[in-house]
Amino acid sequence: MLSPKVFGHVNAHLLAQNAVSEDDNGSCRFRSGNDRKCAIGSLVRDNLYDAALEGVGISYYRHAQDSVLLRTLYASNVNAYNPNVIDLLIKLEQIHDDASVEDWPLLAAFGKRHAFV
């Protein structure tokens, strides 16, 4: 997926879900109960998701050459090896993890500012 499609997918997913994907301790997770998915988790194809992907945020992989998560995203048609895509994924993860759900409609302003919409 190109950056505008990645943004569009995550934006639609987060606004429809309207809830954070987190564990019982309040830690963000790619996938959690009630079929919730974070920004990154929503991009991973269901048949490729593995709980072993959990535990490290996407920003850790900004300068990584390879990892199971990057390969899984690539197999899910998201080229996280592309620096522009990884930067977008980091921003989207930060919005999911750090902004309150009530502020998620501001994703539209983020998309316009970066010419994704």
PDB file of N, CA and C in Angstrom:
ATOM      1  N   MET A   1       0.835  -1.184   0.000  1.00  0.00           N
ATOM      2  CA  MET A   1       0.000   0.000   0.000  1.00  0.00           C
ATOM      3  C   MET A   1       0.874   1.239   0.000  1.00  0.00           C
ATOM      4  N   LEU A   2       0.470   2.210  -0.748  1.00  0.00           N
ATOM      5  CA  LEU A   2       1.144   3.501  -0.712  1.00  0.00           C
ATOM      6  C   LEU A   2       0.670   4.277   0.509  1.00  0.00           C
ATOM      7  N   SER A   3       1.434   5.269   0.889  1.00  0.00           N
ATOM      8  CA  SER A   3       1.136   6.035   2.103  1.00  0.00           C
ATOM      9  C   SER A   3      -0.308   6.539   2.173  1.00  0.00           C
ATOM     10  N   PRO A   4      -0.879   7.124   1.088  1.00  0.00           N
ATOM     11  CA  PRO A   4      -2.277   7.580   1.197  1.00  0.00           C
ATOM     12  C   PRO A   4      -3.247   6.434   1.490  1.00  0.00           C
ATOM     13  N   LYS A   5      -3.009   5.261   0.932  1.00  0.00           N
ATOM     14  CA  LYS A   5      -3.889   4.121   1.196  1.00  0.00           C
ATOM     15  C   LYS A   5      -3.703   3.621   2.624  1.00  0.00           C
ATOM     16  N   VAL A   6      -2.470   3.613   3.099  1.00  0.00           N
ATOM     17  CA  VAL A   6      -2.201   3.218   4.487  1.00  0.00           C
ATOM     18  C   VAL A   6      -2.933   4.172   5.417  1.00  0.00           C
ATOM     19  N   PHE A   7      -2.780   5.469   5.179  1.00  0.00           N
ATOM     20  CA  PHE A   7      -3.458   6.456   6.017  1.00  0.00           C
ATOM     21  C   PHE A   7      -4.965   6.254   5.975  1.00  0.00           C
ATOM     22  N   GLY A   8      -5.519   6.117   4.787  1.00  0.00           N
ATOM     23  CA  GLY A   8      -6.968   5.951   4.643  1.00  0.00           C
ATOM     24  C   GLY A   8      -7.477   4.723   5.381  1.00  0.00           C
ATOM     25  N   HIS A   9      -6.738   3.632   5.268  1.00  0.00           N
ATOM     26  CA  HIS A   9      -7.139   2.392   5.948  1.00  0.00           C
ATOM     27  C   HIS A   9      -7.124   2.575   7.461  1.00  0.00           C
ATOM     28  N   VAL A  10      -6.034   3.095   7.988  1.00  0.00           N
ATOM     29  CA  VAL A  10      -5.900   3.263   9.444  1.00  0.00           C
ATOM     30  C   VAL A  10      -6.894   4.292   9.958  1.00  0.00           C
ATOM     31  N   ASN A  11      -7.053   5.380   9.257  1.00  0.00           N
ATOM     32  CA  ASN A  11      -8.006   6.408   9.656  1.00  0.00           C
ATOM     33  C   ASN A  11      -9.410   5.815   9.767  1.00  0.00           C
ATOM     34  N   ALA A  12      -9.850   5.127   8.729  1.00  0.00           N
ATOM     35  CA  ALA A  12     -11.191   4.525   8.746  1.00  0.00           C
ATOM     36  C   ALA A  12     -11.322   3.493   9.861  1.00  0.00           C
ATOM     37  N   HIS A  13     -10.288   2.687  10.041  1.00  0.00           N
ATOM     38  CA  HIS A  13     -10.326   1.658  11.078  1.00  0.00           C
ATOM     39  C   HIS A  13     -10.448   2.272  12.468  1.00  0.00           C
ATOM     40  N   LEU A  14      -9.573   3.221  12.791  1.00  0.00           N
ATOM     41  CA  LEU A  14      -9.587   3.802  14.131  1.00  0.00           C
ATOM     42  C   LEU A  14     -10.889   4.530  14.427  1.00  0.00           C
ATOM     43  N   LEU A  15     -11.389   5.282  13.452  1.00  0.00           N
ATOM     44  CA  LEU A  15     -12.632   6.017  13.690  1.00  0.00           C
ATOM     45  C   LEU A  15     -13.819   5.076  13.832  1.00  0.00           C
ATOM     46  N   ALA A  16     -13.835   3.974  13.097  1.00  0.00           N
ATOM     47  CA  ALA A  16     -14.928   3.001  13.218  1.00  0.00           C
ATOM     48  C   ALA A  16     -14.834   2.238  14.538  1.00  0.00           C
ATOM     49  N   GLN A  17     -13.620   1.860  14.910  1.00  0.00           N
ATOM     50  CA  GLN A  17     -13.426   1.106  16.153  1.00  0.00           C
ATOM     51  C   GLN A  17     -13.718   1.977  17.371  1.00  0.00           C
ATOM     52  N   ASN A  18     -13.242   3.226  17.322  1.00  0.00           N
ATOM     53  CA  ASN A  18     -13.482   4.213  18.374  1.00  0.00           C
ATOM     54  C   ASN A  18     -13.063   3.719  19.756  1.00  0.00           C
ATOM     55  N   ALA A  19     -11.975   2.963  19.798  1.00  0.00           N
ATOM     56  CA  ALA A  19     -11.459   2.434  21.060  1.00  0.00           C
ATOM     57  C   ALA A  19     -10.002   2.042  20.870  1.00  0.00           C
ATOM     58  N   VAL A  20      -9.249   2.116  21.934  1.00  0.00           N
ATOM     59  CA  VAL A  20      -7.836   1.748  21.912  1.00  0.00           C
ATOM     60  C   VAL A  20      -7.708   0.231  22.006  1.00  0.00           C
ATOM     61  N   SER A  21      -6.721  -0.307  21.342  1.00  0.00           N
ATOM     62  CA  SER A  21      -6.387  -1.726  21.470  1.00  0.00           C
ATOM     63  C   SER A  21      -5.317  -1.840  22.542  1.00  0.00           C
ATOM     64  N   GLU A  22      -5.711  -2.396  23.682  1.00  0.00           N
ATOM     65  CA  GLU A  22      -4.776  -2.505  24.800  1.00  0.00           C
ATOM     66  C   GLU A  22      -5.075  -3.761  25.612  1.00  0.00           C
ATOM     67  N   ASP A  23      -4.091  -4.148  26.415  1.00  0.00           N
ATOM     68  CA  ASP A  23      -4.277  -5.315  27.274  1.00  0.00           C
ATOM     69  C   ASP A  23      -4.908  -4.885  28.594  1.00  0.00           C
ATOM     70  N   ASP A  24      -5.073  -5.835  29.504  1.00  0.00           N
ATOM     71  CA  ASP A  24      -5.713  -5.556  30.793  1.00  0.00           C
ATOM     72  C   ASP A  24      -4.928  -4.575  31.658  1.00  0.00           C
ATOM     73  N   ASN A  25      -3.638  -4.411  31.372  1.00  0.00           N
ATOM     74  CA  ASN A  25      -2.800  -3.477  32.122  1.00  0.00           C
ATOM     75  C   ASN A  25      -2.771  -2.088  31.503  1.00  0.00           C
ATOM     76  N   GLY A  26      -3.468  -1.901  30.386  1.00  0.00           N
ATOM     77  CA  GLY A  26      -3.494  -0.605  29.715  1.00  0.00           C
ATOM     78  C   GLY A  26      -2.355  -0.384  28.741  1.00  0.00           C
ATOM     79  N   SER A  27      -1.592  -1.437  28.441  1.00  0.00           N
ATOM     80  CA  SER A  27      -0.513  -1.327  27.453  1.00  0.00           C
ATOM     81  C   SER A  27      -1.081  -1.544  26.058  1.00  0.00           C
ATOM     82  N   CYS A  28      -0.700  -0.687  25.116  1.00  0.00           N
ATOM     83  CA  CYS A  28      -1.188  -0.813  23.750  1.00  0.00           C
ATOM     84  C   CYS A  28      -0.689  -2.109  23.118  1.00  0.00           C
ATOM     85  N   ARG A  29      -1.550  -2.705  22.313  1.00  0.00           N
ATOM     86  CA  ARG A  29      -1.253  -3.960  21.629  1.00  0.00           C
ATOM     87  C   ARG A  29      -1.710  -3.861  20.183  1.00  0.00           C
ATOM     88  N   PHE A  30      -1.005  -4.579  19.307  1.00  0.00           N
ATOM     89  CA  PHE A  30      -1.427  -4.639  17.907  1.00  0.00           C
ATOM     90  C   PHE A  30      -2.835  -5.222  17.823  1.00  0.00           C
ATOM     91  N   ARG A  31      -3.069  -6.276  18.596  1.00  0.00           N
ATOM     92  CA  ARG A  31      -4.383  -6.915  18.664  1.00  0.00           C
ATOM     93  C   ARG A  31      -4.713  -7.158  20.133  1.00  0.00           C
ATOM     94  N   SER A  32      -5.976  -6.948  20.476  1.00  0.00           N
ATOM     95  CA  SER A  32      -6.393  -7.183  21.856  1.00  0.00           C
ATOM     96  C   SER A  32      -7.816  -7.733  21.865  1.00  0.00           C
ATOM     97  N   GLY A  33      -8.374  -7.842  23.050  1.00  0.00           N
ATOM     98  CA  GLY A  33      -9.718  -8.378  23.199  1.00  0.00           C
ATOM     99  C   GLY A  33     -10.752  -7.581  22.434  1.00  0.00           C
ATOM    100  N   ASN A  34     -11.927  -8.155  22.293  1.00  0.00           N
ATOM    101  CA  ASN A  34     -13.037  -7.518  21.567  1.00  0.00           C
ATOM    102  C   ASN A  34     -12.683  -7.206  20.121  1.00  0.00           C
ATOM    103  N   ASP A  35     -11.767  -7.996  19.550  1.00  0.00           N
ATOM    104  CA  ASP A  35     -11.343  -7.824  18.151  1.00  0.00           C
ATOM    105  C   ASP A  35     -10.772  -6.440  17.859  1.00  0.00           C
ATOM    106  N   ARG A  36     -10.204  -5.806  18.860  1.00  0.00           N
ATOM    107  CA  ARG A  36      -9.600  -4.484  18.648  1.00  0.00           C
ATOM    108  C   ARG A  36      -8.214  -4.620  18.031  1.00  0.00           C
ATOM    109  N   LYS A  37      -7.889  -3.621  17.211  1.00  0.00           N
ATOM    110  CA  LYS A  37      -6.594  -3.569  16.549  1.00  0.00           C
ATOM    111  C   LYS A  37      -6.093  -2.130  16.626  1.00  0.00           C
ATOM    112  N   CYS A  38      -4.797  -1.978  16.857  1.00  0.00           N
ATOM    113  CA  CYS A  38      -4.222  -0.638  16.841  1.00  0.00           C
ATOM    114  C   CYS A  38      -3.972  -0.225  15.389  1.00  0.00           C
ATOM    115  N   ALA A  39      -3.366   0.925  15.199  1.00  0.00           N
ATOM    116  CA  ALA A  39      -3.086   1.422  13.854  1.00  0.00           C
ATOM    117  C   ALA A  39      -2.273   0.406  13.059  1.00  0.00           C
ATOM    118  N   ILE A  40      -1.226  -0.125  13.649  1.00  0.00           N
ATOM    119  CA  ILE A  40      -0.359  -1.084  12.959  1.00  0.00           C
ATOM    120  C   ILE A  40      -1.059  -2.433  12.847  1.00  0.00           C
ATOM    121  N   GLY A  41      -1.686  -2.869  13.923  1.00  0.00           N
ATOM    122  CA  GLY A  41      -2.381  -4.153  13.922  1.00  0.00           C
ATOM    123  C   GLY A  41      -3.469  -4.236  12.864  1.00  0.00           C
ATOM    124  N   SER A  42      -4.091  -3.105  12.553  1.00  0.00           N
ATOM    125  CA  SER A  42      -5.141  -3.105  11.535  1.00  0.00           C
ATOM    126  C   SER A  42      -4.590  -3.375  10.140  1.00  0.00           C
ATOM    127  N   LEU A  43      -3.305  -3.165   9.956  1.00  0.00           N
ATOM    128  CA  LEU A  43      -2.674  -3.365   8.646  1.00  0.00           C
ATOM    129  C   LEU A  43      -2.177  -4.791   8.431  1.00  0.00           C
ATOM    130  N   VAL A  44      -2.044  -5.539   9.511  1.00  0.00           N
ATOM    131  CA  VAL A  44      -1.544  -6.916   9.429  1.00  0.00           C
ATOM    132  C   VAL A  44      -2.707  -7.827   9.056  1.00  0.00           C
ATOM    133  N   ARG A  45      -2.525  -8.578   7.996  1.00  0.00           N
ATOM    134  CA  ARG A  45      -3.571  -9.521   7.583  1.00  0.00           C
ATOM    135  C   ARG A  45      -3.827 -10.519   8.712  1.00  0.00           C
ATOM    136  N   ASP A  46      -5.093 -10.843   8.897  1.00  0.00           N
ATOM    137  CA  ASP A  46      -5.472 -11.750   9.985  1.00  0.00           C
ATOM    138  C   ASP A  46      -4.719 -13.070   9.929  1.00  0.00           C
ATOM    139  N   ASN A  47      -4.535 -13.626   8.739  1.00  0.00           N
ATOM    140  CA  ASN A  47      -3.859 -14.924   8.627  1.00  0.00           C
ATOM    141  C   ASN A  47      -2.351 -14.824   8.881  1.00  0.00           C
ATOM    142  N   LEU A  48      -1.814 -13.615   8.974  1.00  0.00           N
ATOM    143  CA  LEU A  48      -0.384 -13.430   9.221  1.00  0.00           C
ATOM    144  C   LEU A  48      -0.083 -12.972  10.649  1.00  0.00           C
ATOM    145  N   TYR A  49      -1.121 -12.583  11.370  1.00  0.00           N
ATOM    146  CA  TYR A  49      -0.903 -12.101  12.737  1.00  0.00           C
ATOM    147  C   TYR A  49      -0.429 -13.242  13.628  1.00  0.00           C
ATOM    148  N   ASP A  50       0.525 -12.918  14.495  1.00  0.00           N
ATOM    149  CA  ASP A  50       1.024 -13.854  15.488  1.00  0.00           C
ATOM    150  C   ASP A  50       1.280 -13.050  16.762  1.00  0.00           C
ATOM    151  N   ALA A  51       0.899 -13.585  17.883  1.00  0.00           N
ATOM    152  CA  ALA A  51       1.093 -12.886  19.161  1.00  0.00           C
ATOM    153  C   ALA A  51       2.558 -12.544  19.412  1.00  0.00           C
ATOM    154  N   ALA A  52       3.471 -13.254  18.768  1.00  0.00           N
ATOM    155  CA  ALA A  52       4.904 -12.970  18.930  1.00  0.00           C
ATOM    156  C   ALA A  52       5.281 -11.590  18.378  1.00  0.00           C
ATOM    157  N   LEU A  53       4.418 -10.988  17.576  1.00  0.00           N
ATOM    158  CA  LEU A  53       4.681  -9.646  17.049  1.00  0.00           C
ATOM    159  C   LEU A  53       4.548  -8.579  18.133  1.00  0.00           C
ATOM    160  N   GLU A  54       3.832  -8.886  19.183  1.00  0.00           N
ATOM    161  CA  GLU A  54       3.548  -7.921  20.242  1.00  0.00           C
ATOM    162  C   GLU A  54       4.803  -7.575  21.047  1.00  0.00           C
ATOM    163  N   GLY A  55       4.753  -6.422  21.686  1.00  0.00           N
ATOM    164  CA  GLY A  55       5.781  -6.078  22.652  1.00  0.00           C
ATOM    165  C   GLY A  55       6.698  -4.935  22.262  1.00  0.00           C
ATOM    166  N   VAL A  56       6.840  -4.674  20.970  1.00  0.00           N
ATOM    167  CA  VAL A  56       7.731  -3.600  20.538  1.00  0.00           C
ATOM    168  C   VAL A  56       6.989  -2.739  19.523  1.00  0.00           C
ATOM    169  N   GLY A  57       6.963  -1.447  19.764  1.00  0.00           N
ATOM    170  CA  GLY A  57       6.285  -0.528  18.856  1.00  0.00           C
ATOM    171  C   GLY A  57       7.029  -0.379  17.538  1.00  0.00           C
ATOM    172  N   ILE A  58       6.324   0.119  16.562  1.00  0.00           N
ATOM    173  CA  ILE A  58       6.883   0.258  15.210  1.00  0.00           C
ATOM    174  C   ILE A  58       8.058   1.232  15.181  1.00  0.00           C
ATOM    175  N   SER A  59       8.096   2.215  16.074  1.00  0.00           N
ATOM    176  CA  SER A  59       9.201   3.186  16.044  1.00  0.00           C
ATOM    177  C   SER A  59      10.549   2.519  16.286  1.00  0.00           C
ATOM    178  N   TYR A  60      10.556   1.404  16.973  1.00  0.00           N
ATOM    179  CA  TYR A  60      11.790   0.649  17.193  1.00  0.00           C
ATOM    180  C   TYR A  60      12.421   0.231  15.866  1.00  0.00           C
ATOM    181  N   TYR A  61      11.602   0.062  14.851  1.00  0.00           N
ATOM    182  CA  TYR A  61      12.069  -0.466  13.565  1.00  0.00           C
ATOM    183  C   TYR A  61      12.414   0.618  12.546  1.00  0.00           C
ATOM    184  N   ARG A  62      12.439   1.874  12.974  1.00  0.00           N
ATOM    185  CA  ARG A  62      12.716   2.971  12.032  1.00  0.00           C
ATOM    186  C   ARG A  62      14.016   2.737  11.252  1.00  0.00           C
ATOM    187  N   HIS A  63      15.043   2.248  11.917  1.00  0.00           N
ATOM    188  CA  HIS A  63      16.333   2.046  11.257  1.00  0.00           C
ATOM    189  C   HIS A  63      16.689   0.577  11.112  1.00  0.00           C
ATOM    190  N   ALA A  64      15.736  -0.292  11.374  1.00  0.00           N
ATOM    191  CA  ALA A  64      16.003  -1.733  11.272  1.00  0.00           C
ATOM    192  C   ALA A  64      16.083  -2.148   9.805  1.00  0.00           C
ATOM    193  N   GLN A  65      16.946  -3.069   9.539  1.00  0.00           N
ATOM    194  CA  GLN A  65      17.068  -3.608   8.191  1.00  0.00           C
ATOM    195  C   GLN A  65      16.012  -4.674   7.935  1.00  0.00           C
ATOM    196  N   ASP A  66      15.649  -5.399   8.999  1.00  0.00           N
ATOM    197  CA  ASP A  66      14.687  -6.473   8.831  1.00  0.00           C
ATOM    198  C   ASP A  66      14.168  -6.900  10.196  1.00  0.00           C
ATOM    199  N   SER A  67      12.987  -7.466  10.212  1.00  0.00           N
ATOM    200  CA  SER A  67      12.392  -8.019  11.431  1.00  0.00           C
ATOM    201  C   SER A  67      11.156  -8.808  11.030  1.00  0.00           C
ATOM    202  N   VAL A  68      10.659  -9.597  11.947  1.00  0.00           N
ATOM    203  CA  VAL A  68       9.438 -10.352  11.681  1.00  0.00           C
ATOM    204  C   VAL A  68       8.283  -9.386  11.419  1.00  0.00           C
ATOM    205  N   LEU A  69       8.192  -8.292  12.187  1.00  0.00           N
ATOM    206  CA  LEU A  69       7.110  -7.336  11.980  1.00  0.00           C
ATOM    207  C   LEU A  69       7.196  -6.689  10.606  1.00  0.00           C
ATOM    208  N   LEU A  70       8.378  -6.250  10.197  1.00  0.00           N
ATOM    209  CA  LEU A  70       8.514  -5.627   8.876  1.00  0.00           C
ATOM    210  C   LEU A  70       8.156  -6.615   7.764  1.00  0.00           C
ATOM    211  N   ARG A  71       8.587  -7.861   7.906  1.00  0.00           N
ATOM    212  CA  ARG A  71       8.243  -8.886   6.907  1.00  0.00           C
ATOM    213  C   ARG A  71       6.738  -9.156   6.894  1.00  0.00           C
ATOM    214  N   THR A  72       6.127  -9.164   8.076  1.00  0.00           N
ATOM    215  CA  THR A  72       4.683  -9.405   8.153  1.00  0.00           C
ATOM    216  C   THR A  72       3.905  -8.256   7.515  1.00  0.00           C
ATOM    217  N   LEU A  73       4.317  -7.033   7.782  1.00  0.00           N
ATOM    218  CA  LEU A  73       3.672  -5.893   7.134  1.00  0.00           C
ATOM    219  C   LEU A  73       3.856  -5.954   5.621  1.00  0.00           C
ATOM    220  N   TYR A  74       5.052  -6.294   5.175  1.00  0.00           N
ATOM    221  CA  TYR A  74       5.318  -6.388   3.736  1.00  0.00           C
ATOM    222  C   TYR A  74       4.417  -7.454   3.098  1.00  0.00           C
ATOM    223  N   ALA A  75       4.280  -8.584   3.773  1.00  0.00           N
ATOM    224  CA  ALA A  75       3.410  -9.653   3.272  1.00  0.00           C
ATOM    225  C   ALA A  75       1.940  -9.230   3.305  1.00  0.00           C
ATOM    226  N   SER A  76       1.635  -8.224   4.123  1.00  0.00           N
ATOM    227  CA  SER A  76       0.280  -7.671   4.206  1.00  0.00           C
ATOM    228  C   SER A  76       0.104  -6.505   3.237  1.00  0.00           C
ATOM    229  N   ASN A  77       1.059  -6.326   2.341  1.00  0.00           N
ATOM    230  CA  ASN A  77       1.035  -5.298   1.301  1.00  0.00           C
ATOM    231  C   ASN A  77       1.294  -3.888   1.833  1.00  0.00           C
ATOM    232  N   VAL A  78       2.084  -3.802   2.919  1.00  0.00           N
ATOM    233  CA  VAL A  78       2.503  -2.509   3.469  1.00  0.00           C
ATOM    234  C   VAL A  78       4.030  -2.518   3.494  1.00  0.00           C
ATOM    235  N   ASN A  79       4.646  -1.681   2.667  1.00  0.00           N
ATOM    236  CA  ASN A  79       6.099  -1.675   2.553  1.00  0.00           C
ATOM    237  C   ASN A  79       6.735  -0.826   3.649  1.00  0.00           C
ATOM    238  N   ALA A  80       6.843  -1.420   4.826  1.00  0.00           N
ATOM    239  CA  ALA A  80       7.446  -0.712   5.965  1.00  0.00           C
ATOM    240  C   ALA A  80       8.950  -0.561   5.822  1.00  0.00           C
ATOM    241  N   TYR A  81       9.529  -1.086   4.762  1.00  0.00           N
ATOM    242  CA  TYR A  81      10.951  -0.854   4.478  1.00  0.00           C
ATOM    243  C   TYR A  81      11.150   0.528   3.853  1.00  0.00           C
ATOM    244  N   ASN A  82      10.082   1.109   3.327  1.00  0.00           N
ATOM    245  CA  ASN A  82      10.128   2.444   2.735  1.00  0.00           C
ATOM    246  C   ASN A  82      10.153   3.467   3.871  1.00  0.00           C
ATOM    247  N   PRO A  83      11.160   4.348   3.915  1.00  0.00           N
ATOM    248  CA  PRO A  83      11.266   5.327   5.015  1.00  0.00           C
ATOM    249  C   PRO A  83      10.030   6.211   5.166  1.00  0.00           C
ATOM    250  N   ASN A  84       9.382   6.577   4.062  1.00  0.00           N
ATOM    251  CA  ASN A  84       8.179   7.403   4.159  1.00  0.00           C
ATOM    252  C   ASN A  84       7.025   6.643   4.803  1.00  0.00           C
ATOM    253  N   VAL A  85       6.912   5.372   4.472  1.00  0.00           N
ATOM    254  CA  VAL A  85       5.845   4.553   5.051  1.00  0.00           C
ATOM    255  C   VAL A  85       6.113   4.323   6.533  1.00  0.00           C
ATOM    256  N   ILE A  86       7.340   3.992   6.890  1.00  0.00           N
ATOM    257  CA  ILE A  86       7.643   3.743   8.304  1.00  0.00           C
ATOM    258  C   ILE A  86       7.413   5.008   9.137  1.00  0.00           C
ATOM    259  N   ASP A  87       7.764   6.170   8.595  1.00  0.00           N
ATOM    260  CA  ASP A  87       7.511   7.425   9.315  1.00  0.00           C
ATOM    261  C   ASP A  87       6.017   7.634   9.533  1.00  0.00           C
ATOM    262  N   LEU A  88       5.206   7.332   8.515  1.00  0.00           N
ATOM    263  CA  LEU A  88       3.760   7.444   8.642  1.00  0.00           C
ATOM    264  C   LEU A  88       3.241   6.465   9.693  1.00  0.00           C
ATOM    265  N   LEU A  89       3.729   5.228   9.657  1.00  0.00           N
ATOM    266  CA  LEU A  89       3.287   4.228  10.626  1.00  0.00           C
ATOM    267  C   LEU A  89       3.615   4.664  12.057  1.00  0.00           C
ATOM    268  N   ILE A  90       4.776   5.256  12.226  1.00  0.00           N
ATOM    269  CA  ILE A  90       5.167   5.741  13.554  1.00  0.00           C
ATOM    270  C   ILE A  90       4.196   6.821  14.035  1.00  0.00           C
ATOM    271  N   LYS A  91       3.855   7.756  13.158  1.00  0.00           N
ATOM    272  CA  LYS A  91       2.921   8.832  13.527  1.00  0.00           C
ATOM    273  C   LYS A  91       1.548   8.258  13.860  1.00  0.00           C
ATOM    274  N   LEU A  92       1.079   7.313  13.054  1.00  0.00           N
ATOM    275  CA  LEU A  92      -0.235   6.718  13.297  1.00  0.00           C
ATOM    276  C   LEU A  92      -0.246   5.924  14.602  1.00  0.00           C
ATOM    277  N   GLU A  93       0.852   5.230  14.875  1.00  0.00           N
ATOM    278  CA  GLU A  93       0.946   4.506  16.137  1.00  0.00           C
ATOM    279  C   GLU A  93       0.920   5.484  17.315  1.00  0.00           C
ATOM    280  N   GLN A  94       1.617   6.608  17.178  1.00  0.00           N
ATOM    281  CA  GLN A  94       1.630   7.611  18.248  1.00  0.00           C
ATOM    282  C   GLN A  94       0.235   8.163  18.497  1.00  0.00           C
ATOM    283  N   ILE A  95      -0.520   8.384  17.431  1.00  0.00           N
ATOM    284  CA  ILE A  95      -1.886   8.889  17.601  1.00  0.00           C
ATOM    285  C   ILE A  95      -2.720   7.857  18.357  1.00  0.00           C
ATOM    286  N   HIS A  96      -2.644   6.593  17.948  1.00  0.00           N
ATOM    287  CA  HIS A  96      -3.395   5.539  18.641  1.00  0.00           C
ATOM    288  C   HIS A  96      -2.988   5.444  20.105  1.00  0.00           C
ATOM    289  N   ASP A  97      -1.683   5.443  20.348  1.00  0.00           N
ATOM    290  CA  ASP A  97      -1.179   5.184  21.692  1.00  0.00           C
ATOM    291  C   ASP A  97      -1.282   6.389  22.632  1.00  0.00           C
ATOM    292  N   ASP A  98      -1.137   7.600  22.095  1.00  0.00           N
ATOM    293  CA  ASP A  98      -0.976   8.773  22.951  1.00  0.00           C
ATOM    294  C   ASP A  98      -2.152   9.750  22.957  1.00  0.00           C
ATOM    295  N   ALA A  99      -2.918   9.809  21.888  1.00  0.00           N
ATOM    296  CA  ALA A  99      -4.038  10.753  21.827  1.00  0.00           C
ATOM    297  C   ALA A  99      -5.289  10.087  22.399  1.00  0.00           C
ATOM    298  N   SER A 100      -6.130  10.868  23.025  1.00  0.00           N
ATOM    299  CA  SER A 100      -7.381  10.302  23.520  1.00  0.00           C
ATOM    300  C   SER A 100      -8.283   9.980  22.327  1.00  0.00           C
ATOM    301  N   VAL A 101      -9.127   8.997  22.492  1.00  0.00           N
ATOM    302  CA  VAL A 101     -10.026   8.570  21.417  1.00  0.00           C
ATOM    303  C   VAL A 101     -10.866   9.752  20.932  1.00  0.00           C
ATOM    304  N   GLU A 102     -11.243  10.631  21.834  1.00  0.00           N
ATOM    305  CA  GLU A 102     -12.041  11.804  21.464  1.00  0.00           C
ATOM    306  C   GLU A 102     -11.302  12.710  20.484  1.00  0.00           C
ATOM    307  N   ASP A 103      -9.968  12.629  20.472  1.00  0.00           N
ATOM    308  CA  ASP A 103      -9.163  13.457  19.564  1.00  0.00           C
ATOM    309  C   ASP A 103      -8.886  12.786  18.226  1.00  0.00           C
ATOM    310  N   TRP A 104      -9.267  11.532  18.060  1.00  0.00           N
ATOM    311  CA  TRP A 104      -8.969  10.831  16.810  1.00  0.00           C
ATOM    312  C   TRP A 104      -9.578  11.470  15.564  1.00  0.00           C
ATOM    313  N   PRO A 105     -10.699  12.161  15.640  1.00  0.00           N
ATOM    314  CA  PRO A 105     -11.169  12.844  14.424  1.00  0.00           C
ATOM    315  C   PRO A 105     -10.157  13.847  13.864  1.00  0.00           C
ATOM    316  N   LEU A 106      -9.167  14.232  14.691  1.00  0.00           N
ATOM    317  CA  LEU A 106      -8.105  15.121  14.201  1.00  0.00           C
ATOM    318  C   LEU A 106      -7.210  14.426  13.190  1.00  0.00           C
ATOM    319  N   LEU A 107      -7.378  13.117  13.021  1.00  0.00           N
ATOM    320  CA  LEU A 107      -6.639  12.405  11.979  1.00  0.00           C
ATOM    321  C   LEU A 107      -6.875  13.041  10.611  1.00  0.00           C
ATOM    322  N   ALA A 108      -8.073  13.550  10.390  1.00  0.00           N
ATOM    323  CA  ALA A 108      -8.380  14.182   9.103  1.00  0.00           C
ATOM    324  C   ALA A 108      -7.463  15.371   8.852  1.00  0.00           C
ATOM    325  N   ALA A 109      -7.227  16.183   9.878  1.00  0.00           N
ATOM    326  CA  ALA A 109      -6.321  17.330   9.734  1.00  0.00           C
ATOM    327  C   ALA A 109      -4.904  16.852   9.454  1.00  0.00           C
ATOM    328  N   PHE A 110      -4.489  15.791  10.137  1.00  0.00           N
ATOM    329  CA  PHE A 110      -3.173  15.202   9.887  1.00  0.00           C
ATOM    330  C   PHE A 110      -3.084  14.741   8.427  1.00  0.00           C
ATOM    331  N   GLY A 111      -4.108  14.075   7.942  1.00  0.00           N
ATOM    332  CA  GLY A 111      -4.125  13.596   6.556  1.00  0.00           C
ATOM    333  C   GLY A 111      -4.057  14.725   5.549  1.00  0.00           C
ATOM    334  N   LYS A 112      -4.790  15.800   5.793  1.00  0.00           N
ATOM    335  CA  LYS A 112      -4.758  16.951   4.889  1.00  0.00           C
ATOM    336  C   LYS A 112      -3.390  17.618   4.900  1.00  0.00           C
ATOM    337  N   ARG A 113      -2.819  17.761   6.104  1.00  0.00           N
ATOM    338  CA  ARG A 113      -1.526  18.413   6.240  1.00  0.00           C
ATOM    339  C   ARG A 113      -0.446  17.656   5.470  1.00  0.00           C
ATOM    340  N   HIS A 114      -0.591  16.347   5.377  1.00  0.00           N
ATOM    341  CA  HIS A 114       0.387  15.526   4.680  1.00  0.00           C
ATOM    342  C   HIS A 114      -0.092  15.071   3.306  1.00  0.00           C
ATOM    343  N   ALA A 115      -1.169  15.674   2.820  1.00  0.00           N
ATOM    344  CA  ALA A 115      -1.710  15.423   1.488  1.00  0.00           C
ATOM    345  C   ALA A 115      -2.104  13.966   1.274  1.00  0.00           C
ATOM    346  N   PHE A 116      -2.626  13.326   2.338  1.00  0.00           N
ATOM    347  CA  PHE A 116      -3.125  11.969   2.201  1.00  0.00           C
ATOM    348  C   PHE A 116      -4.589  11.948   1.846  1.00  0.00           C
ATOM    349  N   VAL A 117      -5.282  13.057   2.074  1.00  0.00           N
ATOM    350  CA  VAL A 117      -6.705  13.138   1.752  1.00  0.00           C
ATOM    351  C   VAL A 117      -6.957  14.326   0.877  1.00  0.00           C
TER     352      VAL A 117
END
